[in-house]
Protein backbone atom coordinates (compact mmCIF):
# COMPACT_ATOMS: atom_id res chain seq x y z
CA MET A 1 -0.58 9.38 -27.38
CA SER A 2 1.70 6.38 -26.88
CA PRO A 3 3.83 5.83 -23.80
CA SER A 4 7.03 6.39 -25.69
CA THR A 5 5.97 9.66 -27.29
CA ALA A 6 4.56 10.93 -24.00
CA ALA A 7 7.79 10.42 -22.13
CA THR A 8 11.20 12.07 -22.03
CA PRO A 9 14.30 10.22 -23.36
CA ALA A 10 16.29 8.53 -20.62
CA THR A 11 19.24 10.94 -20.39
CA PRO A 12 20.67 11.59 -16.91
CA GLN A 13 18.96 14.99 -16.84
CA ALA A 14 15.67 13.46 -17.91
CA ILE A 15 15.99 10.77 -15.23
CA ARG A 16 16.41 13.45 -12.56
CA ALA A 17 13.47 15.40 -13.98
CA ALA A 18 11.35 12.24 -13.97
CA ALA A 19 12.35 11.54 -10.38
CA THR A 20 11.20 15.03 -9.39
CA ALA A 21 7.94 14.57 -11.31
CA THR A 22 7.39 11.19 -9.64
CA TYR A 23 7.91 12.78 -6.22
CA SER A 24 5.30 15.38 -7.24
CA ALA A 25 2.80 12.66 -8.16
CA PHE A 26 3.30 10.86 -4.84
CA ILE A 27 3.19 14.09 -2.81
CA GLY A 28 0.10 15.32 -4.63
CA LEU A 29 -1.87 12.13 -4.06
CA GLY A 30 -0.89 12.02 -0.39
CA PHE A 31 -1.79 15.67 0.13
CA ALA A 32 -5.17 15.31 -1.53
CA PHE A 33 -6.09 12.09 0.27
CA ALA A 34 -5.03 13.32 3.71
CA SER A 35 -6.92 16.56 3.15
CA TRP A 36 -10.07 14.46 2.80
CA ALA A 37 -9.14 12.18 5.72
CA SER A 38 -8.48 15.14 8.01
CA ARG A 39 -12.09 16.28 7.61
CA ILE A 40 -13.76 12.88 8.12
CA PRO A 41 -14.78 13.66 11.74
CA GLN A 42 -16.53 16.89 10.66
CA VAL A 43 -18.31 15.15 7.78
CA ARG A 44 -19.35 12.38 10.17
CA ASP A 45 -20.74 14.89 12.67
CA ARG A 46 -22.57 16.92 10.02
CA LEU A 47 -24.22 13.79 8.60
CA ASP A 48 -24.75 12.22 12.06
CA LEU A 49 -23.14 8.88 11.16
CA ASP A 50 -22.39 6.16 13.70
CA PRO A 51 -19.16 4.15 13.30
CA ALA A 52 -20.77 1.43 11.18
CA ALA A 53 -22.48 3.94 8.87
CA LEU A 54 -19.26 5.90 8.48
CA GLY A 55 -17.44 2.69 7.63
CA TRP A 56 -19.92 1.96 4.83
CA VAL A 57 -19.59 5.49 3.41
CA LEU A 58 -15.81 5.14 3.41
CA LEU A 59 -16.24 1.83 1.60
CA ALA A 60 -17.06 3.85 -1.53
CA VAL A 61 -13.37 4.78 -1.75
CA ALA A 62 -12.46 1.11 -1.63
CA ALA A 63 -15.07 0.19 -4.24
CA GLY A 64 -13.66 2.72 -6.69
CA SER A 65 -10.09 1.59 -6.08
CA LEU A 66 -11.06 -2.07 -6.33
CA LEU A 67 -12.57 -1.48 -9.76
CA ALA A 68 -9.66 0.62 -11.00
CA MET A 69 -6.64 -1.40 -9.92
CA PRO A 70 -7.13 -4.60 -11.97
CA LEU A 71 -7.79 -2.43 -15.04
CA SER A 72 -4.75 -0.27 -14.46
CA GLY A 73 -2.06 -2.74 -15.53
CA PRO A 74 -3.37 -3.21 -19.09
CA VAL A 75 -4.21 0.50 -19.40
CA VAL A 76 -0.79 1.66 -18.20
CA THR A 77 0.84 -0.85 -20.53
CA ARG A 78 -1.19 0.51 -23.44
CA ILE A 79 -1.19 4.29 -22.94
CA GLY A 80 1.60 4.87 -20.40
CA SER A 81 1.87 6.13 -16.86
CA THR A 82 2.04 9.76 -18.04
CA ASN A 83 -1.45 9.69 -19.51
CA VAL A 84 -2.95 7.66 -16.68
CA VAL A 85 -1.62 9.92 -13.91
CA THR A 86 -2.73 13.03 -15.81
CA ALA A 87 -6.29 11.76 -16.29
CA MET A 88 -6.59 10.43 -12.75
CA ALA A 89 -5.39 13.68 -11.16
CA VAL A 90 -8.29 15.43 -12.87
CA MET A 91 -10.74 12.70 -11.85
CA PHE A 92 -9.54 12.81 -8.24
CA GLY A 93 -10.18 16.56 -8.18
CA ALA A 94 -13.69 16.00 -9.52
CA GLY A 95 -14.40 13.30 -6.92
CA LEU A 96 -13.06 15.39 -4.04
CA THR A 97 -15.18 18.34 -5.17
CA THR A 98 -18.27 16.13 -5.37
CA ALA A 99 -17.67 14.72 -1.88
CA ALA A 100 -17.04 18.20 -0.48
CA LEU A 101 -20.29 19.58 -1.88
CA GLY A 102 -22.10 16.36 -1.00
CA SER A 103 -21.23 16.83 2.66
CA LEU A 104 -23.73 19.70 2.60
CA ALA A 105 -26.50 17.44 1.33
CA GLY A 106 -26.21 13.86 2.57
CA ALA A 107 -24.33 10.56 2.70
CA LEU A 108 -25.22 9.41 -0.82
CA PRO A 109 -23.57 12.30 -2.71
CA VAL A 110 -20.54 11.99 -0.44
CA ALA A 111 -20.32 8.30 -1.30
CA ALA A 112 -20.63 9.10 -5.03
CA GLY A 113 -17.76 11.56 -4.81
CA LEU A 114 -15.69 9.09 -2.81
CA PHE A 115 -16.25 6.42 -5.46
CA LEU A 116 -14.75 8.71 -8.12
CA LEU A 117 -11.97 9.66 -5.72
CA GLY A 118 -11.27 5.99 -5.01
CA PHE A 119 -11.20 5.05 -8.70
CA ALA A 120 -8.74 7.84 -9.41
CA ASN A 121 -6.68 6.94 -6.35
CA GLY A 122 -6.39 3.30 -7.47
CA ALA A 123 -5.33 3.94 -11.06
CA TRP A 124 -3.12 6.90 -10.13
CA GLY A 125 -1.39 4.78 -7.49
CA VAL A 126 -0.61 1.93 -9.89
CA ALA A 127 0.65 4.28 -12.61
CA MET A 128 2.92 6.32 -10.35
CA ASN A 129 4.35 3.14 -8.80
CA VAL A 130 5.12 1.82 -12.29
CA GLN A 131 6.90 5.11 -13.04
CA GLY A 132 8.70 4.80 -9.69
CA THR A 133 10.07 1.38 -10.67
CA VAL A 134 11.22 2.85 -14.02
CA VAL A 135 13.14 5.62 -12.25
CA GLU A 136 14.52 3.19 -9.68
CA ARG A 137 15.89 0.93 -12.43
CA HIS A 138 17.55 3.87 -14.19
CA LEU A 139 19.09 5.18 -10.97
CA GLY A 140 20.29 1.72 -9.96
CA ARG A 141 19.55 2.03 -6.26
CA SER A 142 16.64 1.65 -3.83
CA VAL A 143 14.54 4.81 -3.97
CA MET A 144 10.96 3.54 -4.03
CA SER A 145 10.45 4.07 -0.32
CA ARG A 146 11.54 7.70 -0.76
CA PHE A 147 8.85 8.18 -3.38
CA HIS A 148 6.44 6.78 -0.81
CA ALA A 149 8.01 9.15 1.72
CA GLY A 150 6.89 11.86 -0.69
CA PHE A 151 3.38 10.45 -0.44
CA SER A 152 3.66 10.49 3.34
CA LEU A 153 5.07 14.03 3.28
CA GLY A 154 2.02 15.02 1.28
CA THR A 155 -0.24 13.34 3.84
CA VAL A 156 1.50 15.17 6.69
CA ALA A 157 1.03 18.48 4.92
CA GLY A 158 -2.59 17.63 4.18
CA ALA A 159 -3.26 16.57 7.77
CA LEU A 160 -1.61 19.66 9.26
CA LEU A 161 -3.50 21.92 6.88
CA GLY A 162 -6.66 20.05 7.85
CA ALA A 163 -5.95 20.62 11.53
CA ALA A 164 -5.48 24.33 10.84
CA MET A 165 -8.72 24.45 8.83
CA VAL A 166 -10.58 22.77 11.71
CA ALA A 167 -9.09 25.16 14.26
CA LEU A 168 -9.96 28.16 12.07
CA HIS A 169 -13.50 26.83 11.43
CA VAL A 170 -13.01 26.86 7.65
CA PRO A 171 -15.93 25.05 5.99
CA VAL A 172 -15.22 21.54 4.74
CA ALA A 173 -16.43 22.35 1.22
CA ALA A 174 -14.25 25.44 0.78
CA HIS A 175 -11.16 23.64 2.06
CA LEU A 176 -11.53 20.51 -0.08
CA ILE A 177 -12.53 22.25 -3.31
CA ALA A 178 -9.39 24.41 -3.13
CA VAL A 179 -7.26 21.29 -2.60
CA ALA A 180 -8.96 19.54 -5.53
CA ALA A 181 -8.13 22.37 -7.95
CA LEU A 182 -4.53 22.66 -6.77
CA VAL A 183 -3.79 18.95 -7.13
CA ALA A 184 -5.58 18.40 -10.43
CA VAL A 185 -3.65 21.18 -12.17
CA GLY A 186 -0.26 20.75 -10.50
CA VAL A 187 0.13 16.97 -10.83
CA ALA A 188 -1.13 16.87 -14.41
CA ARG A 189 1.58 19.35 -15.42
CA GLN A 190 4.35 17.44 -13.63
CA ALA A 191 3.40 14.10 -15.20
CA ARG A 192 4.56 15.38 -18.60
CA ARG A 193 8.15 14.82 -17.43
CA PHE A 194 7.79 11.08 -16.78
CA LEU A 195 10.08 8.60 -18.56
CA ALA A 196 8.87 5.98 -21.03
CA ASP A 197 7.58 2.96 -19.13
CA HIS A 198 9.44 0.63 -21.51
CA ASP A 199 12.90 2.06 -22.09
CA PRO A 200 13.55 2.77 -25.80
CA THR A 201 17.27 3.60 -25.25
CA GLY A 202 18.48 0.05 -24.68
CA LEU A 203 19.20 0.41 -20.96
CA ASP A 204 16.99 -2.59 -20.27
CA ARG A 205 18.04 -4.54 -23.38
CA SER A 206 18.92 -7.58 -21.31
CA GLU A 207 15.35 -7.65 -20.05
CA GLN A 208 13.70 -7.26 -23.45
CA GLY A 209 11.65 -9.94 -25.16
CA PRO A 210 7.98 -10.64 -25.72
CA ARG A 211 5.86 -9.18 -22.95
CA PRO A 212 3.42 -11.67 -21.38
CA GLY A 213 -0.28 -10.84 -21.31
CA ALA A 214 -1.60 -8.69 -18.48
CA LEU A 215 -3.46 -11.63 -16.89
CA THR A 216 -0.35 -13.83 -16.65
CA ALA A 217 0.73 -12.16 -13.42
CA TRP A 218 -2.42 -13.44 -11.70
CA ARG A 219 -1.07 -16.99 -12.12
CA GLU A 220 2.35 -16.30 -10.56
CA PRO A 221 2.54 -17.65 -6.97
CA ARG A 222 5.28 -15.22 -5.94
CA THR A 223 3.33 -12.22 -7.23
CA LEU A 224 0.24 -13.35 -5.32
CA LEU A 225 2.21 -13.79 -2.08
CA VAL A 226 3.77 -10.35 -2.50
CA GLY A 227 0.18 -9.14 -2.84
CA VAL A 228 -0.70 -10.76 0.52
CA PHE A 229 2.32 -9.06 2.07
CA VAL A 230 1.25 -5.69 0.66
CA PHE A 231 -2.33 -6.33 1.80
CA ALA A 232 -1.19 -6.52 5.43
CA PHE A 233 0.77 -3.27 5.26
CA ALA A 234 -1.93 -1.53 3.23
CA PHE A 235 -4.44 -2.51 5.92
CA ALA A 236 -2.18 -1.07 8.61
CA GLU A 237 -1.72 2.16 6.67
CA GLY A 238 -5.32 2.49 5.52
CA VAL A 239 -6.82 1.89 8.95
CA GLY A 240 -4.42 4.48 10.36
CA ASN A 241 -5.51 6.98 7.72
CA ASP A 242 -9.22 6.39 8.22
CA TRP A 243 -9.54 5.74 11.94
CA ILE A 244 -6.74 7.25 14.05
CA SER A 245 -8.33 10.69 14.37
CA VAL A 246 -11.79 9.22 15.06
CA ALA A 247 -10.41 6.67 17.55
CA ALA A 248 -8.40 9.33 19.37
CA ILE A 249 -11.34 11.74 19.61
CA ASP A 250 -13.87 9.12 20.71
CA GLY A 251 -11.58 6.84 22.72
CA TYR A 252 -9.50 9.42 24.59
CA HIS A 253 -12.12 12.20 24.61
CA VAL A 254 -9.85 14.89 23.18
CA PRO A 255 -10.85 17.87 20.98
CA ASP A 256 -11.07 17.39 17.22
CA ALA A 257 -7.87 19.34 16.57
CA LEU A 258 -5.86 17.08 18.94
CA GLY A 259 -7.32 13.98 17.32
CA THR A 260 -6.19 15.27 13.93
CA LEU A 261 -2.71 15.92 15.34
CA ALA A 262 -2.52 12.27 16.48
CA PHE A 263 -3.20 11.37 12.86
CA ALA A 264 -0.46 13.79 11.78
CA ALA A 265 1.98 12.09 14.21
CA PHE A 266 1.26 8.74 12.55
CA LEU A 267 1.90 10.25 9.12
CA ALA A 268 5.07 12.04 10.25
CA ALA A 269 6.51 8.73 11.48
CA MET A 270 5.67 7.06 8.17
CA THR A 271 7.40 9.86 6.29
CA THR A 272 10.53 9.56 8.43
CA GLY A 273 10.67 5.79 8.03
CA ARG A 274 10.25 5.97 4.28
CA TRP A 275 12.82 8.70 3.80
CA PHE A 276 15.58 7.00 5.80
CA GLY A 277 14.54 3.47 4.88
CA PRO A 278 16.58 3.05 1.63
CA ALA A 279 19.92 3.02 3.49
CA LEU A 280 18.62 0.26 5.76
CA LEU A 281 17.14 -1.69 2.86
CA ASP A 282 20.38 -1.55 0.87
CA ARG A 283 22.52 -2.48 3.88
CA TYR A 284 20.46 -5.19 5.57
CA GLY A 285 18.09 -6.32 2.82
CA ARG A 286 14.36 -5.97 2.32
CA ILE A 287 13.32 -9.06 4.23
CA THR A 288 15.18 -8.33 7.46
CA VAL A 289 14.15 -4.69 7.54
CA VAL A 290 10.45 -5.18 6.84
CA ARG A 291 10.17 -7.94 9.41
CA LEU A 292 11.70 -5.66 12.04
CA THR A 293 9.42 -2.77 11.13
CA ALA A 294 6.38 -5.06 11.24
CA PHE A 295 7.25 -5.94 14.84
CA ILE A 296 7.52 -2.20 15.60
CA GLY A 297 4.11 -1.66 14.01
CA ILE A 298 2.54 -4.39 16.14
CA ALA A 299 3.90 -2.72 19.27
CA GLY A 300 2.64 0.68 18.15
CA VAL A 301 -0.90 -0.44 17.34
CA THR A 302 -1.14 -2.26 20.67
CA LEU A 303 0.04 0.80 22.58
CA PHE A 304 -2.35 3.10 20.71
CA ALA A 305 -5.30 0.83 21.43
CA PHE A 306 -4.60 0.25 25.13
CA ALA A 307 -2.65 3.33 26.27
CA PRO A 308 -3.59 4.75 29.69
CA THR A 309 -3.30 8.36 28.48
CA PHE A 310 -3.61 10.31 25.25
CA PRO A 311 0.14 11.23 25.12
CA ALA A 312 0.98 7.53 25.38
CA ALA A 313 -1.48 6.84 22.57
CA CYS A 314 0.31 9.44 20.45
CA ALA A 315 3.55 7.54 21.09
CA GLY A 316 1.77 4.44 19.88
CA SER A 317 0.64 6.22 16.71
CA LEU A 318 4.28 7.18 16.05
CA LEU A 319 5.44 3.56 16.39
CA TRP A 320 2.49 2.40 14.28
CA GLY A 321 3.46 4.79 11.49
CA LEU A 322 7.13 3.84 11.67
CA GLY A 323 6.29 0.14 11.56
CA ALA A 324 3.96 0.50 8.57
CA ALA A 325 6.34 2.68 6.56
CA LEU A 326 8.40 0.33 4.37
CA GLY A 327 6.17 -2.66 3.61
CA PHE A 328 4.10 -1.18 0.80
CA PRO A 329 6.99 0.39 -1.17
CA ALA A 330 9.12 -2.75 -0.71
CA GLY A 331 6.29 -4.78 -2.21
CA MET A 332 5.97 -2.40 -5.16
CA SER A 333 9.72 -2.63 -5.84
CA ALA A 334 9.52 -6.42 -5.72
CA GLY A 335 6.69 -6.36 -8.25
CA GLY A 336 8.41 -3.94 -10.63
CA SER A 337 11.85 -5.54 -10.90
CA ASP A 338 11.22 -6.82 -14.45
CA PRO A 339 10.41 -3.90 -16.82
CA ARG A 340 8.51 -6.15 -19.20
CA ARG A 341 6.06 -7.22 -16.48
CA ALA A 342 6.16 -4.26 -14.10
CA ALA A 343 2.75 -2.79 -14.99
CA ALA A 344 0.96 -6.15 -14.82
CA ARG A 345 2.62 -7.27 -11.58
CA VAL A 346 2.26 -3.92 -9.83
CA SER A 347 -1.40 -3.90 -10.86
CA VAL A 348 -1.95 -7.38 -9.39
CA ILE A 349 -0.12 -6.58 -6.16
CA ALA A 350 -1.95 -3.27 -5.81
CA SER A 351 -5.27 -4.98 -6.55
CA ILE A 352 -4.72 -7.51 -3.77
CA GLY A 353 -3.60 -4.69 -1.50
CA SER A 354 -6.75 -2.77 -2.37
CA TRP A 355 -8.80 -5.44 -0.60
CA ALA A 356 -7.32 -3.98 2.56
CA ILE A 357 -9.07 -0.74 1.68
CA VAL A 358 -12.27 -2.72 1.18
CA ALA A 359 -11.90 -4.67 4.41
CA GLY A 360 -10.55 -1.90 6.64
CA PRO A 361 -13.38 0.63 7.02
CA PRO A 362 -16.28 -1.81 7.55
CA THR A 363 -14.21 -4.21 9.68
CA ILE A 364 -13.14 -1.50 12.11
CA GLY A 365 -16.56 0.16 11.98
CA VAL A 366 -18.53 -3.01 12.72
CA LEU A 367 -16.10 -4.20 15.39
CA GLY A 368 -16.08 -0.69 16.79
CA ASN A 369 -19.81 -0.90 17.50
CA HIS A 370 -19.16 -3.98 19.66
CA LEU A 371 -15.63 -3.52 21.05
CA THR A 372 -15.02 0.25 20.66
CA VAL A 373 -12.99 1.55 17.75
CA LEU A 374 -9.79 1.56 19.81
CA HIS A 375 -9.96 -2.14 20.65
CA ALA A 376 -10.99 -3.06 17.09
CA LEU A 377 -7.57 -1.85 15.97
CA VAL A 378 -5.93 -5.07 17.20
CA THR A 379 -6.83 -6.55 13.79
CA VAL A 380 -3.99 -4.43 12.39
CA ALA A 381 -1.50 -6.16 14.69
CA ALA A 382 -2.75 -9.59 13.58
CA LEU A 383 -2.25 -8.79 9.90
CA LEU A 384 1.23 -7.40 10.46
CA GLY A 385 2.05 -10.76 12.02
CA THR A 386 0.95 -12.39 8.75
CA ALA A 387 3.26 -10.05 6.82
CA ILE A 388 6.20 -11.27 8.89
CA LEU A 389 5.45 -14.85 7.83
CA VAL A 390 5.34 -14.15 4.06
CA ALA A 391 8.07 -11.48 3.90
CA GLY A 392 10.48 -13.92 2.26
CA THR A 393 8.70 -13.43 -1.08
CA ILE A 394 9.76 -9.80 -1.58
CA HIS A 395 13.42 -10.49 -2.37
CA ALA A 396 14.40 -9.27 -5.84
CA PRO A 397 17.73 -8.58 -7.57
CA HIS A 398 18.94 -4.99 -7.68
CA PRO A 399 18.86 -3.37 -11.14
CA SER A 400 22.02 -2.40 -12.99
CA ARG A 401 23.25 1.12 -12.51
CA HIS A 402 23.01 3.68 -15.32
CA PRO A 403 26.64 4.36 -16.35
CA ASP A 404 26.21 8.11 -16.85
CA LEU A 405 24.95 8.88 -13.35
CA PRO A 406 27.26 10.02 -10.55
CA PRO A 407 27.78 7.77 -7.51
CA ARG A 408 25.20 7.80 -4.73
């Protein structure tokens, strides 16, 4: 099935339907991933893993994503985001099920499931971001961060459900297998309403011309620097996802359910920042806004790591989430501004960002064995400082507005 035949024509109604379907893809991935993340402390305890060992198990997610992301640009270009998201939703469900059952047996089957999960996460993420840039171009306004707010909303829901499952003593396997089935079926059905990745209606006629090869984007300095920018924010987000609950439980000696709620506070702040971010981005510009939020993130991470009390640490997790909210979607929008090169550039930027997933778990785990997990989190603040320095690369022109759509 080709991308054009898999997608709906770009009428105003179809654009709105595609926007809803794109929200569903973002929400579904966030919900599924946070459902796994919310049960990491219980899997760790069942398998008796120290911080370094847990970090290496979590590295399987990064390995899968690292393999998938460079391949995703050419694959999305060839078969379309509809087909990629559909296939990866099913693969994610299979990986989550494998990890859930593996938690009853040992670290190796968990790692195998997490590798599949990570591969699906990487390709799914690239494809849905490509579709997000398509919808954003058709709408003619900044909406990418709201799609990412959908992801964050899904993570909040997944984390809160996880906290409830922990409090109710629901087994890890039963919880995660149910989530896997729900996401695999629901997201695959929604993806049928995506738009064509390369507009056949003529909306992007001014952008048309021969499409460069998929590897060309790896030789573009601006694309590579946007990737560095995204790396820093992906590290901040990924470390928060993987380590906040563990750091809160071990560092502040609170019950598992409270540690999971600290994680939920981080995710709630990210959701809020991403939902209300477009108005700030359109008014003040990407560069100004993301630099300000990076400073907020630095303050939040520092407070979380060195707070005198657990409530103060929760305040730090809120600031951390707010500060990390807009960087990743702003980078994706910057990469997808040209429809001819969107898949290739988003794939490159996401691939560079995926190294944050590779570096995050073992870096925090190894440093945690020497400094404590809480104090190891200062690496997040250092990388957000780097993002401030390279933020000038994410400027991109706004797309033209579709003439048939009502005003914002």
